[in-house]
Amino acid sequence: MSAPGPAVARAPMTNKHYRRALRPLHAELVALQEWVKASGARVCIVFEGRDTAGKGGVIKAITARVSPRVFRVVALPAPTEREKSQMYVQRYLPHLPAAGEVVIFDRSWYNRAGVERVMGFCTDEQARHFLELIPTVEREIVDSGVIMLKYWLEVSREQQTLRLQSRIDDPRKIWKLSDLDLRSYRHWYDYSRARDEMFHFTDTGWAPWYVAVTDDKKRGRLNVISHLLSRIPYEPLDRPEVVLPDQQKAKGYRAPGQPLHWIPTPY
C-alpha cells in the first residue's frame, strides 16, 4: 500500500501549527457531542492499524476536550476463559453505543483478522469464518441506526522501527512496549497479507475502511478528526447567551485558622 498524495515528502508539522489547527477541530467535536446528546444519535468508531501507527494518540486528540460520558473509549484486555468459550464477537456487542453516545474502539473485533491470525492465536479456518461473518454483523449494526466509521492507520516500516526503538530508549514509553510487539515486529509482510485480506472481505458499502497514513503523527491526527467530522451529519446547536451571575457576599465568613496541609510548591 502506497501513501496518497504527492511523492515529495512534507516537513513534519510543528507543535505550534498543530495546536493552531487542532483548536477549531476540538470546537467542532464539542458541537458534535452536543448534537449527539440532543439527537440521541449512536456513533461507533473503530481504530485498527499497524503497531506504533498512533491509534492511542489519535484517540487522545479526539477525546481531549469532550465529555467521557459521551465519548466512551473501549480497549478490551485479552479474553477470559469464559469469553473464549463465547461466540467471538459476543464480548464486543455490549459495548456498542446507546442513544447519545460515541463509542471509540481502540482495537476491536478485528483482532481476529490481524494479531490473532498472524501470531497463531486462532486458526486460519476461524479467521476466514470471521471475515465471512463480520460484514453481516456490521450490516445489522448499521441498519439499527448506528453511524459506523472504521479507520486503519498505516505507518511505514522505517517509522515503525524508529518508534519501537524510541519505546526501548525512553523510560516514559517503556510501558508501551510488550513482548507481543517485539514478536510482531518480525511479521511485517504477514500483517500486510492479513490486512489486505481483511479489506477484501470487510470493506463494504455500509461499513467501508478509511485509511490514514500516520508517519507524521500530528498531520495524521488532524486528517482523521477532519474526516470523521465530515462523515457524521451533525448540526451545531444554537447556544443560549450565558452571563455569569453575581457572587454572594461574605456575610461575615472568615477562613479557618487551623493549619491546612498545603502541598509543597517546587514549581
Protein backbone atom coordinates (compact mmCIF):
# COMPACT_ATOMS: atom_id res chain seq x y z
CA MET A 1 0.00 0.00 0.00
CA SER A 2 1.47 3.35 -1.01
CA ALA A 3 0.83 6.68 0.64
CA PRO A 4 -1.65 9.01 -1.10
CA GLY A 5 -0.78 12.45 -2.40
CA PRO A 6 2.39 13.87 -3.95
CA ALA A 7 5.64 11.97 -3.80
CA VAL A 8 7.52 14.94 -2.30
CA ALA A 9 7.87 14.44 1.45
CA ARG A 10 6.42 17.18 3.65
CA ALA A 11 8.28 18.53 6.64
CA PRO A 12 6.91 17.30 9.97
CA MET A 13 4.29 19.63 11.39
CA THR A 14 5.47 21.81 14.25
CA ASN A 15 3.76 21.80 17.63
CA LYS A 16 2.69 25.43 17.11
CA HIS A 17 0.97 24.73 13.81
CA TYR A 18 -0.53 21.52 15.16
CA ARG A 19 -2.12 23.26 18.17
CA ARG A 20 -3.44 26.03 15.96
CA ALA A 21 -5.05 23.55 13.56
CA LEU A 22 -6.40 21.33 16.34
CA ARG A 23 -8.24 24.09 18.22
CA PRO A 24 -11.12 24.58 15.72
CA LEU A 25 -11.41 20.82 15.27
CA HIS A 26 -11.85 20.45 19.03
CA ALA A 27 -14.60 23.07 18.87
CA GLU A 28 -16.34 21.04 16.16
CA LEU A 29 -16.01 17.85 18.22
CA VAL A 30 -17.78 19.65 21.08
CA ALA A 31 -20.51 20.70 18.63
CA LEU A 32 -20.75 17.08 17.50
CA GLN A 33 -21.02 15.97 21.13
CA GLU A 34 -23.90 18.35 21.83
CA TRP A 35 -25.72 17.19 18.69
CA VAL A 36 -25.25 13.53 19.66
CA LYS A 37 -26.69 14.23 23.12
CA ALA A 38 -29.64 16.21 21.79
CA SER A 39 -30.50 13.92 18.88
CA GLY A 40 -29.88 10.58 20.58
CA ALA A 41 -27.51 9.57 17.79
CA ARG A 42 -25.32 6.50 18.17
CA VAL A 43 -21.79 6.62 16.76
CA CYS A 44 -19.25 3.77 16.67
CA ILE A 45 -15.67 4.50 15.61
CA VAL A 46 -13.22 1.60 15.13
CA PHE A 47 -9.47 2.17 15.12
CA GLU A 48 -7.15 -0.52 13.79
CA GLY A 49 -3.68 -0.39 12.25
CA ARG A 50 -0.05 -1.31 12.42
CA ASP A 51 1.74 -1.44 15.76
CA THR A 52 3.02 2.07 16.62
CA ALA A 53 0.74 3.67 13.98
CA GLY A 54 -0.60 6.06 16.62
CA LYS A 55 -4.07 4.82 17.48
CA GLY A 56 -3.75 5.96 21.08
CA GLY A 57 -2.57 9.43 20.05
CA VAL A 58 -5.45 9.89 17.62
CA ILE A 59 -7.97 8.79 20.25
CA LYS A 60 -6.47 11.14 22.86
CA ALA A 61 -6.66 14.01 20.38
CA ILE A 62 -10.33 13.24 19.70
CA THR A 63 -11.32 12.95 23.36
CA ALA A 64 -9.16 15.73 24.86
CA ARG A 65 -11.95 18.35 25.01
CA VAL A 66 -15.14 16.30 25.15
CA SER A 67 -17.01 14.51 27.91
CA PRO A 68 -16.07 10.90 28.72
CA ARG A 69 -19.76 10.35 29.45
CA VAL A 70 -20.49 10.89 25.76
CA PHE A 71 -17.22 9.82 24.10
CA ARG A 72 -16.52 6.41 25.60
CA VAL A 73 -13.26 4.59 24.76
CA VAL A 74 -13.31 0.79 24.74
CA ALA A 75 -9.97 -1.05 24.88
CA LEU A 76 -10.68 -4.62 25.93
CA PRO A 77 -7.97 -6.77 27.55
CA ALA A 78 -7.20 -10.33 26.50
CA PRO A 79 -10.33 -12.51 26.73
CA THR A 80 -11.01 -14.54 29.84
CA GLU A 81 -11.53 -18.28 29.68
CA ARG A 82 -15.27 -17.70 29.81
CA GLU A 83 -15.12 -15.19 26.96
CA LYS A 84 -13.04 -17.60 24.89
CA SER A 85 -15.95 -20.05 25.07
CA GLN A 86 -18.41 -17.49 23.68
CA MET A 87 -19.20 -16.56 20.10
CA TYR A 88 -16.21 -14.46 19.07
CA VAL A 89 -17.92 -11.08 18.63
CA GLN A 90 -20.13 -11.57 21.69
CA ARG A 91 -17.92 -9.70 24.17
CA TYR A 92 -17.78 -6.64 21.93
CA LEU A 93 -21.52 -6.23 21.36
CA PRO A 94 -22.41 -4.95 24.87
CA HIS A 95 -20.05 -2.03 24.33
CA LEU A 96 -21.85 -0.68 21.25
CA PRO A 97 -23.28 2.82 21.75
CA ALA A 98 -26.63 3.62 23.25
CA ALA A 99 -28.53 6.80 22.39
CA GLY A 100 -26.41 9.90 22.91
CA GLU A 101 -23.06 8.06 22.90
CA VAL A 102 -19.94 7.96 20.75
CA VAL A 103 -18.02 4.73 21.35
CA ILE A 104 -14.42 4.52 20.17
CA PHE A 105 -12.88 1.05 19.90
CA ASP A 106 -9.11 1.08 20.46
CA ARG A 107 -8.77 -2.16 18.56
CA SER A 108 -11.90 -4.18 18.12
CA TRP A 109 -13.33 -7.45 16.84
CA TYR A 110 -10.79 -7.10 14.02
CA ASN A 111 -8.15 -8.51 16.35
CA ARG A 112 -9.19 -11.85 14.86
CA ALA A 113 -8.26 -10.74 11.35
CA GLY A 114 -4.93 -9.27 12.44
CA VAL A 115 -2.86 -10.11 15.51
CA GLU A 116 -4.72 -13.32 16.35
CA ARG A 117 -4.29 -14.68 12.86
CA VAL A 118 -0.68 -13.60 12.35
CA MET A 119 0.52 -14.69 15.80
CA GLY A 120 -1.32 -18.01 15.76
CA PHE A 121 -3.91 -17.25 18.45
CA CYS A 122 -6.62 -18.53 16.13
CA THR A 123 -6.69 -20.94 13.21
CA ASP A 124 -6.91 -19.89 9.56
CA GLU A 125 -10.35 -21.50 9.49
CA GLN A 126 -11.51 -19.36 12.43
CA ALA A 127 -10.10 -16.22 10.81
CA ARG A 128 -11.78 -16.98 7.49
CA HIS A 129 -15.10 -17.68 9.21
CA PHE A 130 -14.81 -14.32 10.97
CA LEU A 131 -14.09 -12.48 7.73
CA GLU A 132 -17.11 -14.05 6.07
CA LEU A 133 -19.42 -13.37 9.03
CA ILE A 134 -18.50 -9.86 10.21
CA PRO A 135 -19.90 -7.90 7.24
CA THR A 136 -23.34 -9.29 8.09
CA VAL A 137 -22.90 -8.34 11.75
CA GLU A 138 -21.85 -4.82 10.78
CA ARG A 139 -24.79 -4.57 8.38
CA GLU A 140 -27.13 -5.31 11.29
CA ILE A 141 -25.37 -2.69 13.44
CA VAL A 142 -25.67 -0.03 10.73
CA ASP A 143 -29.25 -0.97 9.88
CA SER A 144 -30.15 -0.48 13.54
CA GLY A 145 -29.22 3.20 13.16
CA VAL A 146 -25.61 3.25 14.37
CA ILE A 147 -23.22 5.51 12.46
CA MET A 148 -20.11 3.36 11.99
CA LEU A 149 -16.67 4.56 10.94
CA LYS A 150 -13.69 2.22 10.56
CA TYR A 151 -10.15 3.61 10.37
CA TRP A 152 -6.95 1.79 9.53
CA LEU A 153 -3.79 3.70 10.49
CA GLU A 154 -0.86 2.90 8.23
CA VAL A 155 2.80 3.60 9.08
CA SER A 156 5.94 2.85 7.12
CA ARG A 157 8.43 0.17 8.13
CA GLU A 158 11.05 2.85 8.81
CA GLN A 159 8.76 4.80 11.12
CA GLN A 160 7.66 1.66 12.93
CA THR A 161 11.30 0.79 13.61
CA LEU A 162 12.04 4.31 14.89
CA ARG A 163 9.01 4.31 17.19
CA LEU A 164 9.71 0.89 18.65
CA GLN A 165 13.32 1.87 19.28
CA SER A 166 12.08 5.04 20.96
CA ARG A 167 9.97 2.93 23.31
CA ILE A 168 13.05 0.92 24.20
CA ASP A 169 15.20 4.00 24.82
CA ASP A 170 12.70 6.30 26.57
CA PRO A 171 11.71 5.32 30.14
CA ARG A 172 8.46 7.29 29.68
CA LYS A 173 7.41 4.98 26.85
CA ILE A 174 8.67 1.59 28.00
CA TRP A 175 5.19 0.67 29.25
CA LYS A 176 4.01 0.78 25.63
CA LEU A 177 6.41 -2.00 24.63
CA SER A 178 5.17 -5.55 25.06
CA ASP A 179 6.65 -8.92 24.23
CA LEU A 180 3.97 -9.25 21.58
CA ASP A 181 5.15 -6.01 19.93
CA LEU A 182 8.64 -7.43 19.61
CA ARG A 183 7.35 -10.72 18.22
CA SER A 184 5.01 -8.93 15.81
CA TYR A 185 7.82 -6.71 14.52
CA ARG A 186 9.25 -9.65 12.59
CA HIS A 187 6.00 -10.22 10.68
CA TRP A 188 5.58 -7.06 8.58
CA TYR A 189 4.50 -8.88 5.42
CA ASP A 190 2.34 -11.38 7.27
CA TYR A 191 0.44 -8.41 8.69
CA SER A 192 0.30 -6.86 5.21
CA ARG A 193 -1.29 -10.01 3.79
CA ALA A 194 -3.73 -10.22 6.71
CA ARG A 195 -4.66 -6.54 6.26
CA ASP A 196 -5.21 -6.96 2.52
CA GLU A 197 -7.50 -9.95 3.01
CA MET A 198 -9.38 -8.12 5.76
CA PHE A 199 -10.01 -5.20 3.40
CA HIS A 200 -11.11 -7.60 0.67
CA PHE A 201 -13.84 -9.14 2.82
CA THR A 202 -14.90 -6.27 5.08
CA ASP A 203 -14.55 -3.06 3.04
CA THR A 204 -18.28 -2.82 2.36
CA GLY A 205 -20.66 -0.15 1.17
CA TRP A 206 -22.31 0.07 4.58
CA ALA A 207 -19.08 -0.06 6.64
CA PRO A 208 -16.08 0.93 4.48
CA TRP A 209 -12.50 1.17 5.68
CA TYR A 210 -10.82 4.57 5.68
CA VAL A 211 -7.01 4.52 5.59
CA ALA A 212 -4.88 7.25 7.19
CA VAL A 213 -1.10 7.49 6.75
CA THR A 214 0.41 8.48 10.09
CA ASP A 215 4.16 8.72 9.51
CA ASP A 216 3.63 12.32 10.63
CA LYS A 217 1.55 11.75 13.76
CA LYS A 218 0.30 15.32 14.01
CA ARG A 219 -0.92 15.51 10.43
CA GLY A 220 -2.44 12.05 10.79
CA ARG A 221 -4.47 13.08 13.85
CA LEU A 222 -5.75 16.22 12.16
CA ASN A 223 -6.66 14.32 9.00
CA VAL A 224 -8.60 11.66 10.89
CA ILE A 225 -10.53 14.18 13.01
CA SER A 226 -11.35 16.29 9.97
CA HIS A 227 -12.55 13.23 8.08
CA LEU A 228 -14.74 11.80 10.84
CA LEU A 229 -16.40 15.20 11.30
CA SER A 230 -17.17 15.20 7.57
CA ARG A 231 -18.77 11.74 7.77
CA ILE A 232 -21.24 12.44 10.58
CA PRO A 233 -24.29 14.58 9.65
CA TYR A 234 -24.29 16.69 12.81
CA GLU A 235 -25.69 20.19 13.02
CA PRO A 236 -24.29 22.70 15.54
CA LEU A 237 -26.96 23.68 18.04
CA ASP A 238 -27.86 27.24 18.88
CA ARG A 239 -26.15 28.26 22.10
CA PRO A 240 -28.06 30.44 24.54
CA GLU A 241 -26.30 33.55 25.76
CA VAL A 242 -24.64 32.87 29.10
CA VAL A 243 -23.99 35.60 31.66
CA LEU A 244 -22.25 34.91 34.97
CA PRO A 245 -24.48 35.73 37.97
CA ASP A 246 -23.33 37.96 40.80
CA GLN A 247 -21.40 36.14 43.52
CA GLN A 248 -22.75 36.14 47.05
CA LYS A 249 -21.42 38.43 49.77
CA ALA A 250 -19.14 37.11 52.51
CA LYS A 251 -21.68 37.90 55.28
CA GLY A 252 -19.06 37.55 58.00
CA TYR A 253 -17.29 34.43 56.67
CA ARG A 254 -13.61 34.10 57.64
CA ALA A 255 -11.17 31.42 56.58
CA PRO A 256 -10.46 28.90 59.38
CA GLY A 257 -7.36 29.45 61.44
CA GLN A 258 -6.28 25.83 61.81
CA PRO A 259 -3.27 24.75 59.75
CA LEU A 260 -4.11 23.12 56.42
CA HIS A 261 -1.98 20.50 54.68
CA TRP A 262 -0.70 22.54 51.79
CA ILE A 263 1.37 20.66 49.24
CA PRO A 264 4.97 21.76 48.53
CA THR A 265 5.39 24.23 45.65
CA PRO A 266 8.69 23.34 43.91
CA TYR A 267 7.40 24.66 40.55
